All heavy atoms as atom14 arrays in JSON, in Angstrom:
{
  "sequence": "RFATAPVGSGPFEVRKFTEERKAQLARWDDYWGESPPAIAQL",
  "atom14_mask": [
    [1, 1, 1, 1, 1, 1, 1, 1, 1, 1, 1, 0, 0, 0],
    [1, 1, 1, 1, 1, 1, 1, 1, 1, 1, 1, 0, 0, 0],
    [1, 1, 1, 1, 1, 0, 0, 0, 0, 0, 0, 0, 0, 0],
    [1, 1, 1, 1, 1, 1, 1, 0, 0, 0, 0, 0, 0, 0],
    [1, 1, 1, 1, 1, 0, 0, 0, 0, 0, 0, 0, 0, 0],
    [1, 1, 1, 1, 1, 1, 1, 0, 0, 0, 0, 0, 0, 0],
    [1, 1, 1, 1, 1, 1, 1, 0, 0, 0, 0, 0, 0, 0],
    [1, 1, 1, 1, 0, 0, 0, 0, 0, 0, 0, 0, 0, 0],
    [1, 1, 1, 1, 1, 1, 0, 0, 0, 0, 0, 0, 0, 0],
    [1, 1, 1, 1, 0, 0, 0, 0, 0, 0, 0, 0, 0, 0],
    [1, 1, 1, 1, 1, 1, 1, 0, 0, 0, 0, 0, 0, 0],
    [1, 1, 1, 1, 1, 1, 1, 1, 1, 1, 1, 0, 0, 0],
    [1, 1, 1, 1, 1, 1, 1, 1, 1, 0, 0, 0, 0, 0],
    [1, 1, 1, 1, 1, 1, 1, 0, 0, 0, 0, 0, 0, 0],
    [1, 1, 1, 1, 1, 1, 1, 1, 1, 1, 1, 0, 0, 0],
    [1, 1, 1, 1, 1, 1, 1, 1, 1, 0, 0, 0, 0, 0],
    [1, 1, 1, 1, 1, 1, 1, 1, 1, 1, 1, 0, 0, 0],
    [1, 1, 1, 1, 1, 1, 1, 0, 0, 0, 0, 0, 0, 0],
    [1, 1, 1, 1, 1, 1, 1, 1, 1, 0, 0, 0, 0, 0],
    [1, 1, 1, 1, 1, 1, 1, 1, 1, 0, 0, 0, 0, 0],
    [1, 1, 1, 1, 1, 1, 1, 1, 1, 1, 1, 0, 0, 0],
    [1, 1, 1, 1, 1, 1, 1, 1, 1, 0, 0, 0, 0, 0],
    [1, 1, 1, 1, 1, 0, 0, 0, 0, 0, 0, 0, 0, 0],
    [1, 1, 1, 1, 1, 1, 1, 1, 1, 0, 0, 0, 0, 0],
    [1, 1, 1, 1, 1, 1, 1, 1, 0, 0, 0, 0, 0, 0],
    [1, 1, 1, 1, 1, 0, 0, 0, 0, 0, 0, 0, 0, 0],
    [1, 1, 1, 1, 1, 1, 1, 1, 1, 1, 1, 0, 0, 0],
    [1, 1, 1, 1, 1, 1, 1, 1, 1, 1, 1, 1, 1, 1],
    [1, 1, 1, 1, 1, 1, 1, 1, 0, 0, 0, 0, 0, 0],
    [1, 1, 1, 1, 1, 1, 1, 1, 0, 0, 0, 0, 0, 0],
    [1, 1, 1, 1, 1, 1, 1, 1, 1, 1, 1, 1, 0, 0],
    [1, 1, 1, 1, 1, 1, 1, 1, 1, 1, 1, 1, 1, 1],
    [1, 1, 1, 1, 0, 0, 0, 0, 0, 0, 0, 0, 0, 0],
    [1, 1, 1, 1, 1, 1, 1, 1, 1, 0, 0, 0, 0, 0],
    [1, 1, 1, 1, 1, 1, 0, 0, 0, 0, 0, 0, 0, 0],
    [1, 1, 1, 1, 1, 1, 1, 0, 0, 0, 0, 0, 0, 0],
    [1, 1, 1, 1, 1, 1, 1, 0, 0, 0, 0, 0, 0, 0],
    [1, 1, 1, 1, 1, 0, 0, 0, 0, 0, 0, 0, 0, 0],
    [1, 1, 1, 1, 1, 1, 1, 1, 0, 0, 0, 0, 0, 0],
    [1, 1, 1, 1, 1, 0, 0, 0, 0, 0, 0, 0, 0, 0],
    [1, 1, 1, 1, 1, 1, 1, 1, 1, 0, 0, 0, 0, 0],
    [1, 1, 1, 1, 1, 1, 1, 1, 0, 0, 0, 0, 0, 0]
  ],
  "atom14_positions": [
    [[-85.72, -136.88, -85.39], [-85.79, -137.87, -84.37], [-86.85, -138.9, -84.62], [-86.72, -140.11, -84.35], [-85.98, -137.22, -82.96], [-86.0, -138.23, -81.79], [-86.19, -137.52, -80.44], [-86.05, -138.47, -79.4], [-87.0, -139.29, -78.98], [-88.21, -139.33, -79.56], [-86.78, -140.11, -77.98], [0.0, 0.0, 0.0], [0.0, 0.0, 0.0], [0.0, 0.0, 0.0]],
    [[-87.95, -138.46, -85.13], [-89.06, -139.38, -85.46], [-88.64, -140.45, -86.45], [-89.14, -141.61, -86.37], [-90.31, -138.58, -86.01], [-91.56, -139.45, -86.04], [-92.4, -139.47, -84.92], [-91.91, -139.99, -87.25], [-93.54, -140.22, -84.99], [-93.14, -140.78, -87.3], [-93.9, -140.83, -86.17], [0.0, 0.0, 0.0], [0.0, 0.0, 0.0], [0.0, 0.0, 0.0]],
    [[-87.74, -140.17, -87.33], [-87.3, -141.09, -88.35], [-86.47, -142.23, -87.72], [-86.33, -143.3, -88.38], [-86.48, -140.36, -89.42], [0.0, 0.0, 0.0], [0.0, 0.0, 0.0], [0.0, 0.0, 0.0], [0.0, 0.0, 0.0], [0.0, 0.0, 0.0], [0.0, 0.0, 0.0], [0.0, 0.0, 0.0], [0.0, 0.0, 0.0], [0.0, 0.0, 0.0]],
    [[-86.0, -142.06, -86.55], [-85.22, -143.09, -85.91], [-85.89, -143.67, -84.63], [-85.51, -144.81, -84.17], [-83.76, -142.6, -85.52], [-83.9, -141.51, -84.65], [-83.11, -142.1, -86.74], [0.0, 0.0, 0.0], [0.0, 0.0, 0.0], [0.0, 0.0, 0.0], [0.0, 0.0, 0.0], [0.0, 0.0, 0.0], [0.0, 0.0, 0.0], [0.0, 0.0, 0.0]],
    [[-86.72, -142.87, -83.99], [-87.38, -143.31, -82.72], [-88.81, -142.87, -82.77], [-89.25, -142.07, -81.94], [-86.68, -142.72, -81.53], [0.0, 0.0, 0.0], [0.0, 0.0, 0.0], [0.0, 0.0, 0.0], [0.0, 0.0, 0.0], [0.0, 0.0, 0.0], [0.0, 0.0, 0.0], [0.0, 0.0, 0.0], [0.0, 0.0, 0.0], [0.0, 0.0, 0.0]],
    [[-89.56, -143.48, -83.68], [-90.96, -143.02, -83.83], [-91.93, -143.57, -82.82], [-91.65, -144.55, -82.14], [-91.35, -143.54, -85.28], [-90.53, -144.82, -85.39], [-89.24, -144.54, -84.62], [0.0, 0.0, 0.0], [0.0, 0.0, 0.0], [0.0, 0.0, 0.0], [0.0, 0.0, 0.0], [0.0, 0.0, 0.0], [0.0, 0.0, 0.0], [0.0, 0.0, 0.0]],
    [[-93.02, -142.94, -82.74], [-94.22, -143.36, -81.92], [-95.25, -143.85, -82.88], [-95.77, -143.12, -83.7], [-94.72, -142.22, -81.01], [-96.02, -142.74, -80.28], [-93.68, -141.76, -80.0], [0.0, 0.0, 0.0], [0.0, 0.0, 0.0], [0.0, 0.0, 0.0], [0.0, 0.0, 0.0], [0.0, 0.0, 0.0], [0.0, 0.0, 0.0], [0.0, 0.0, 0.0]],
    [[-95.61, -145.11, -82.83], [-96.65, -145.68, -83.72], [-97.81, -146.17, -82.9], [-97.97, -145.84, -81.71], [0.0, 0.0, 0.0], [0.0, 0.0, 0.0], [0.0, 0.0, 0.0], [0.0, 0.0, 0.0], [0.0, 0.0, 0.0], [0.0, 0.0, 0.0], [0.0, 0.0, 0.0], [0.0, 0.0, 0.0], [0.0, 0.0, 0.0], [0.0, 0.0, 0.0]],
    [[-98.7, -146.85, -83.56], [-99.81, -147.55, -82.9], [-99.87, -149.06, -83.12], [-100.87, -149.65, -82.82], [-101.15, -146.89, -83.43], [-101.29, -147.19, -84.82], [0.0, 0.0, 0.0], [0.0, 0.0, 0.0], [0.0, 0.0, 0.0], [0.0, 0.0, 0.0], [0.0, 0.0, 0.0], [0.0, 0.0, 0.0], [0.0, 0.0, 0.0], [0.0, 0.0, 0.0]],
    [[-98.78, -149.55, -83.67], [-98.72, -150.99, -84.01], [-98.36, -151.82, -82.84], [-98.07, -151.35, -81.71], [0.0, 0.0, 0.0], [0.0, 0.0, 0.0], [0.0, 0.0, 0.0], [0.0, 0.0, 0.0], [0.0, 0.0, 0.0], [0.0, 0.0, 0.0], [0.0, 0.0, 0.0], [0.0, 0.0, 0.0], [0.0, 0.0, 0.0], [0.0, 0.0, 0.0]],
    [[-98.15, -153.12, -83.06], [-97.88, -154.1, -81.96], [-96.47, -154.08, -81.4], [-96.2, -154.73, -80.38], [-98.2, -155.42, -82.65], [-97.96, -155.2, -84.09], [-98.42, -153.83, -84.36], [0.0, 0.0, 0.0], [0.0, 0.0, 0.0], [0.0, 0.0, 0.0], [0.0, 0.0, 0.0], [0.0, 0.0, 0.0], [0.0, 0.0, 0.0], [0.0, 0.0, 0.0]],
    [[-95.57, -153.39, -82.09], [-94.16, -153.33, -81.63], [-93.68, -151.87, -81.48], [-94.11, -150.99, -82.3], [-93.21, -154.05, -82.58], [-93.29, -155.52, -82.59], [-94.16, -156.18, -83.45], [-92.59, -156.29, -81.67], [-94.33, -157.57, -83.43], [-92.68, -157.64, -81.69], [-93.53, -158.29, -82.56], [0.0, 0.0, 0.0], [0.0, 0.0, 0.0], [0.0, 0.0, 0.0]],
    [[-92.94, -151.58, -80.38], [-92.22, -150.33, -80.21], [-90.77, -150.38, -80.61], [-90.17, -151.51, -80.51], [-92.35, -149.94, -78.76], [-93.73, -149.76, -78.24], [-93.7, -149.34, -76.71], [-93.66, -150.3, -75.91], [-93.79, -148.15, -76.43], [0.0, 0.0, 0.0], [0.0, 0.0, 0.0], [0.0, 0.0, 0.0], [0.0, 0.0, 0.0], [0.0, 0.0, 0.0]],
    [[-90.19, -149.28, -81.02], [-88.79, -149.26, -81.37], [-87.96, -149.28, -80.12], [-88.11, -148.38, -79.24], [-88.46, -148.05, -82.24], [-86.99, -147.96, -82.56], [-89.28, -148.08, -83.52], [0.0, 0.0, 0.0], [0.0, 0.0, 0.0], [0.0, 0.0, 0.0], [0.0, 0.0, 0.0], [0.0, 0.0, 0.0], [0.0, 0.0, 0.0], [0.0, 0.0, 0.0]],
    [[-87.09, -150.24, -80.04], [-86.09, -150.34, -78.84], [-84.78, -149.7, -79.28], [-84.21, -148.86, -78.51], [-86.04, -151.73, -78.42], [-85.17, -151.96, -77.16], [-85.14, -153.46, -76.76], [-84.24, -153.68, -75.58], [-84.65, -153.5, -74.32], [-85.85, -153.01, -74.12], [-83.81, -153.71, -73.43], [0.0, 0.0, 0.0], [0.0, 0.0, 0.0], [0.0, 0.0, 0.0]],
    [[-84.23, -150.13, -80.4], [-82.99, -149.65, -80.93], [-83.09, -149.57, -82.45], [-83.69, -150.42, -83.07], [-81.82, -150.49, -80.51], [-81.54, -150.61, -78.99], [-80.38, -151.62, -78.75], [-80.12, -151.73, -77.21], [-79.04, -152.74, -77.01], [0.0, 0.0, 0.0], [0.0, 0.0, 0.0], [0.0, 0.0, 0.0], [0.0, 0.0, 0.0], [0.0, 0.0, 0.0]],
    [[-82.41, -148.65, -82.97], [-82.3, -148.54, -84.43], [-80.95, -147.94, -84.89], [-80.61, -146.87, -84.41], [-83.48, -147.63, -85.0], [-83.41, -147.43, -86.49], [-83.46, -148.46, -87.36], [-83.25, -146.12, -86.97], [-83.43, -148.28, -88.74], [-83.17, -145.9, -88.35], [-83.22, -146.96, -89.22], [0.0, 0.0, 0.0], [0.0, 0.0, 0.0], [0.0, 0.0, 0.0]],
    [[-80.34, -148.67, -85.75], [-79.11, -148.2, -86.37], [-79.3, -148.17, -87.87], [-79.52, -149.3, -88.48], [-77.85, -149.03, -85.98], [-77.76, -149.1, -84.57], [-76.64, -148.44, -86.63], [0.0, 0.0, 0.0], [0.0, 0.0, 0.0], [0.0, 0.0, 0.0], [0.0, 0.0, 0.0], [0.0, 0.0, 0.0], [0.0, 0.0, 0.0], [0.0, 0.0, 0.0]],
    [[-79.29, -147.09, -88.51], [-79.61, -146.93, -89.92], [-78.7, -147.89, -90.75], [-77.52, -147.99, -90.56], [-79.26, -145.45, -90.33], [-79.62, -145.08, -91.69], [-79.2, -143.68, -91.96], [-80.06, -142.79, -91.73], [-78.06, -143.39, -92.42], [0.0, 0.0, 0.0], [0.0, 0.0, 0.0], [0.0, 0.0, 0.0], [0.0, 0.0, 0.0], [0.0, 0.0, 0.0]],
    [[-79.42, -148.62, -91.53], [-78.86, -149.56, -92.57], [-78.2, -150.8, -91.85], [-77.5, -151.6, -92.52], [-77.82, -148.89, -93.4], [-78.35, -147.96, -94.51], [-77.32, -147.55, -95.48], [-76.59, -146.65, -95.25], [-77.36, -148.15, -96.59], [0.0, 0.0, 0.0], [0.0, 0.0, 0.0], [0.0, 0.0, 0.0], [0.0, 0.0, 0.0], [0.0, 0.0, 0.0]],
    [[-78.28, -150.88, -90.55], [-77.72, -152.05, -89.9], [-78.69, -152.94, -89.12], [-78.73, -154.13, -89.3], [-76.63, -151.52, -88.88], [-75.48, -150.73, -89.49], [-74.74, -151.45, -90.62], [-74.26, -152.84, -90.29], [-73.75, -153.66, -91.14], [-73.73, -153.35, -92.42], [-73.42, -154.87, -90.73], [0.0, 0.0, 0.0], [0.0, 0.0, 0.0], [0.0, 0.0, 0.0]],
    [[-79.41, -152.32, -88.19], [-80.27, -153.07, -87.29], [-81.45, -152.29, -86.74], [-81.31, -151.1, -86.42], [-79.42, -153.53, -86.14], [-80.16, -154.43, -85.1], [-79.27, -154.71, -83.85], [-78.16, -155.61, -84.11], [-77.43, -156.02, -82.89], [0.0, 0.0, 0.0], [0.0, 0.0, 0.0], [0.0, 0.0, 0.0], [0.0, 0.0, 0.0], [0.0, 0.0, 0.0]],
    [[-82.56, -152.98, -86.59], [-83.73, -152.44, -85.9], [-84.15, -153.51, -84.89], [-84.35, -154.64, -85.26], [-84.84, -152.09, -86.85], [0.0, 0.0, 0.0], [0.0, 0.0, 0.0], [0.0, 0.0, 0.0], [0.0, 0.0, 0.0], [0.0, 0.0, 0.0], [0.0, 0.0, 0.0], [0.0, 0.0, 0.0], [0.0, 0.0, 0.0], [0.0, 0.0, 0.0]],
    [[-84.25, -153.08, -83.62], [-84.73, -153.95, -82.57], [-86.04, -153.43, -82.01], [-86.13, -152.29, -81.61], [-83.64, -154.03, -81.41], [-84.01, -155.14, -80.4], [-82.92, -155.22, -79.34], [-83.0, -154.55, -78.38], [-81.97, -156.09, -79.58], [0.0, 0.0, 0.0], [0.0, 0.0, 0.0], [0.0, 0.0, 0.0], [0.0, 0.0, 0.0], [0.0, 0.0, 0.0]],
    [[-87.05, -154.25, -82.11], [-88.38, -153.88, -81.68], [-88.82, -154.75, -80.53], [-88.54, -155.94, -80.43], [-89.38, -154.12, -82.91], [-88.97, -153.52, -84.26], [-90.08, -153.83, -85.24], [-88.72, -151.95, -84.15], [0.0, 0.0, 0.0], [0.0, 0.0, 0.0], [0.0, 0.0, 0.0], [0.0, 0.0, 0.0], [0.0, 0.0, 0.0], [0.0, 0.0, 0.0]],
    [[-89.54, -154.13, -79.6], [-90.03, -154.79, -78.44], [-91.64, -154.79, -78.43], [-92.22, -153.83, -78.92], [-89.6, -154.06, -77.16], [0.0, 0.0, 0.0], [0.0, 0.0, 0.0], [0.0, 0.0, 0.0], [0.0, 0.0, 0.0], [0.0, 0.0, 0.0], [0.0, 0.0, 0.0], [0.0, 0.0, 0.0], [0.0, 0.0, 0.0], [0.0, 0.0, 0.0]],
    [[-92.12, -155.88, -78.07], [-93.61, -155.99, -78.06], [-94.22, -154.94, -77.2], [-93.8, -154.68, -76.07], [-93.94, -157.38, -77.54], [-95.53, -157.64, -77.56], [-95.86, -159.01, -77.03], [-95.36, -159.18, -75.69], [-94.93, -160.31, -75.23], [-94.85, -161.42, -75.96], [-94.51, -160.48, -73.95], [0.0, 0.0, 0.0], [0.0, 0.0, 0.0], [0.0, 0.0, 0.0]],
    [[-95.26, -154.2, -77.7], [-96.0, -153.29, -76.95], [-97.14, -154.05, -76.21], [-98.11, -154.43, -76.87], [-96.54, -152.17, -77.84], [-97.35, -151.11, -77.22], [-97.22, -150.68, -75.91], [-98.52, -150.36, -77.74], [-98.16, -149.75, -75.65], [-98.9, -149.56, -76.73], [-99.09, -150.38, -78.98], [-99.96, -148.69, -76.93], [-100.21, -149.5, -79.17], [-100.61, -148.66, -78.14]],
    [[-96.94, -154.27, -74.94], [-97.9, -155.11, -74.23], [-99.28, -154.47, -74.05], [-100.26, -155.12, -73.76], [-97.3, -155.41, -72.85], [-96.23, -156.53, -72.92], [-96.3, -157.3, -73.89], [-95.41, -156.52, -72.1], [0.0, 0.0, 0.0], [0.0, 0.0, 0.0], [0.0, 0.0, 0.0], [0.0, 0.0, 0.0], [0.0, 0.0, 0.0], [0.0, 0.0, 0.0]],
    [[-99.39, -153.14, -74.32], [-100.72, -152.48, -74.2], [-101.38, -152.3, -75.62], [-102.2, -151.47, -75.79], [-100.52, -151.17, -73.62], [-100.13, -151.24, -72.1], [-100.57, -152.16, -71.43], [-99.44, -150.39, -71.64], [0.0, 0.0, 0.0], [0.0, 0.0, 0.0], [0.0, 0.0, 0.0], [0.0, 0.0, 0.0], [0.0, 0.0, 0.0], [0.0, 0.0, 0.0]],
    [[-100.87, -153.09, -76.56], [-101.43, -153.06, -77.94], [-102.93, -153.2, -77.86], [-103.42, -154.18, -77.25], [-100.74, -154.09, -78.85], [-101.31, -154.02, -80.28], [-101.3, -152.87, -81.06], [-101.78, -155.18, -80.8], [-101.71, -152.88, -82.3], [-102.24, -155.19, -82.13], [-102.15, -154.06, -82.82], [-102.69, -154.02, -84.17], [0.0, 0.0, 0.0], [0.0, 0.0, 0.0]],
    [[-103.65, -152.4, -78.55], [-105.1, -152.3, -78.45], [-105.74, -153.19, -79.5], [-106.95, -153.51, -79.45], [-105.57, -150.91, -78.69], [-105.01, -150.29, -80.01], [-103.89, -149.7, -80.17], [-105.64, -150.44, -81.25], [-103.68, -149.4, -81.51], [-104.77, -149.88, -82.23], [-106.85, -150.94, -81.73], [-105.09, -149.79, -83.63], [-107.14, -150.91, -83.08], [-106.28, -150.33, -83.98]],
    [[-104.99, -153.67, -80.56], [-105.55, -154.38, -81.67], [-105.79, -155.86, -81.37], [-105.46, -156.45, -80.27], [0.0, 0.0, 0.0], [0.0, 0.0, 0.0], [0.0, 0.0, 0.0], [0.0, 0.0, 0.0], [0.0, 0.0, 0.0], [0.0, 0.0, 0.0], [0.0, 0.0, 0.0], [0.0, 0.0, 0.0], [0.0, 0.0, 0.0], [0.0, 0.0, 0.0]],
    [[-106.28, -156.57, -82.41], [-106.53, -158.03, -82.32], [-105.28, -158.84, -82.54], [-104.37, -158.32, -83.2], [-107.58, -158.41, -83.29], [-108.87, -157.67, -83.21], [-109.63, -157.94, -81.87], [-109.51, -158.98, -81.36], [-110.37, -156.95, -81.45], [0.0, 0.0, 0.0], [0.0, 0.0, 0.0], [0.0, 0.0, 0.0], [0.0, 0.0, 0.0], [0.0, 0.0, 0.0]],
    [[-105.2, -160.05, -82.03], [-104.12, -160.96, -82.23], [-102.73, -160.29, -82.02], [-101.98, -160.12, -82.98], [-104.17, -161.51, -83.69], [-105.41, -162.19, -83.87], [0.0, 0.0, 0.0], [0.0, 0.0, 0.0], [0.0, 0.0, 0.0], [0.0, 0.0, 0.0], [0.0, 0.0, 0.0], [0.0, 0.0, 0.0], [0.0, 0.0, 0.0], [0.0, 0.0, 0.0]],
    [[-102.44, -159.9, -80.74], [-101.11, -159.29, -80.48], [-100.05, -160.35, -80.72], [-100.26, -161.56, -80.75], [-101.28, -158.9, -78.98], [-102.29, -159.79, -78.48], [-103.28, -160.02, -79.59], [0.0, 0.0, 0.0], [0.0, 0.0, 0.0], [0.0, 0.0, 0.0], [0.0, 0.0, 0.0], [0.0, 0.0, 0.0], [0.0, 0.0, 0.0], [0.0, 0.0, 0.0]],
    [[-98.76, -159.89, -80.81], [-97.67, -160.84, -81.09], [-97.41, -161.76, -79.89], [-97.61, -161.33, -78.76], [-96.48, -159.9, -81.36], [-96.87, -158.61, -80.74], [-98.34, -158.51, -80.82], [0.0, 0.0, 0.0], [0.0, 0.0, 0.0], [0.0, 0.0, 0.0], [0.0, 0.0, 0.0], [0.0, 0.0, 0.0], [0.0, 0.0, 0.0], [0.0, 0.0, 0.0]],
    [[-96.94, -162.93, -80.2], [-96.51, -163.85, -79.16], [-95.06, -163.69, -78.81], [-94.63, -164.1, -77.76], [-96.78, -165.27, -79.61], [0.0, 0.0, 0.0], [0.0, 0.0, 0.0], [0.0, 0.0, 0.0], [0.0, 0.0, 0.0], [0.0, 0.0, 0.0], [0.0, 0.0, 0.0], [0.0, 0.0, 0.0], [0.0, 0.0, 0.0], [0.0, 0.0, 0.0]],
    [[-94.26, -163.08, -79.69], [-92.84, -162.9, -79.41], [-92.65, -161.58, -78.68], [-93.39, -160.64, -78.89], [-91.97, -162.94, -80.67], [-92.32, -161.83, -81.63], [-92.16, -164.33, -81.37], [-91.4, -161.7, -82.79], [0.0, 0.0, 0.0], [0.0, 0.0, 0.0], [0.0, 0.0, 0.0], [0.0, 0.0, 0.0], [0.0, 0.0, 0.0], [0.0, 0.0, 0.0]],
    [[-91.66, -161.53, -77.78], [-91.37, -160.32, -77.07], [-90.41, -159.38, -77.78], [-90.45, -158.16, -77.54], [-90.72, -160.73, -75.73], [0.0, 0.0, 0.0], [0.0, 0.0, 0.0], [0.0, 0.0, 0.0], [0.0, 0.0, 0.0], [0.0, 0.0, 0.0], [0.0, 0.0, 0.0], [0.0, 0.0, 0.0], [0.0, 0.0, 0.0], [0.0, 0.0, 0.0]],
    [[-89.64, -159.9, -78.7], [-88.71, -158.97, -79.31], [-88.42, -159.47, -80.76], [-88.29, -160.62, -80.99], [-87.32, -158.95, -78.62], [-86.28, -158.11, -79.15], [-85.03, -158.1, -78.3], [-85.03, -157.47, -77.24], [-83.99, -158.8, -78.74], [0.0, 0.0, 0.0], [0.0, 0.0, 0.0], [0.0, 0.0, 0.0], [0.0, 0.0, 0.0], [0.0, 0.0, 0.0]],
    [[-88.33, -158.51, -81.65], [-87.97, -158.75, -83.09], [-86.7, -157.93, -83.29], [-86.68, -156.74, -83.17], [-89.07, -158.37, -84.04], [-88.68, -158.3, -85.5], [-88.4, -159.79, -86.04], [-89.8, -157.7, -86.38], [0.0, 0.0, 0.0], [0.0, 0.0, 0.0], [0.0, 0.0, 0.0], [0.0, 0.0, 0.0], [0.0, 0.0, 0.0], [0.0, 0.0, 0.0]]
  ]
}
């Protein structure tokens, strides 16, 4: 499960993932690091 819906510490969380097709990431608004992303979704 971790390979498709992992928990990280970076600026984006995994919203949807389809192997070899698509990854949709949502901004983690509680990101602790410097210069968080300005976009809400990648």
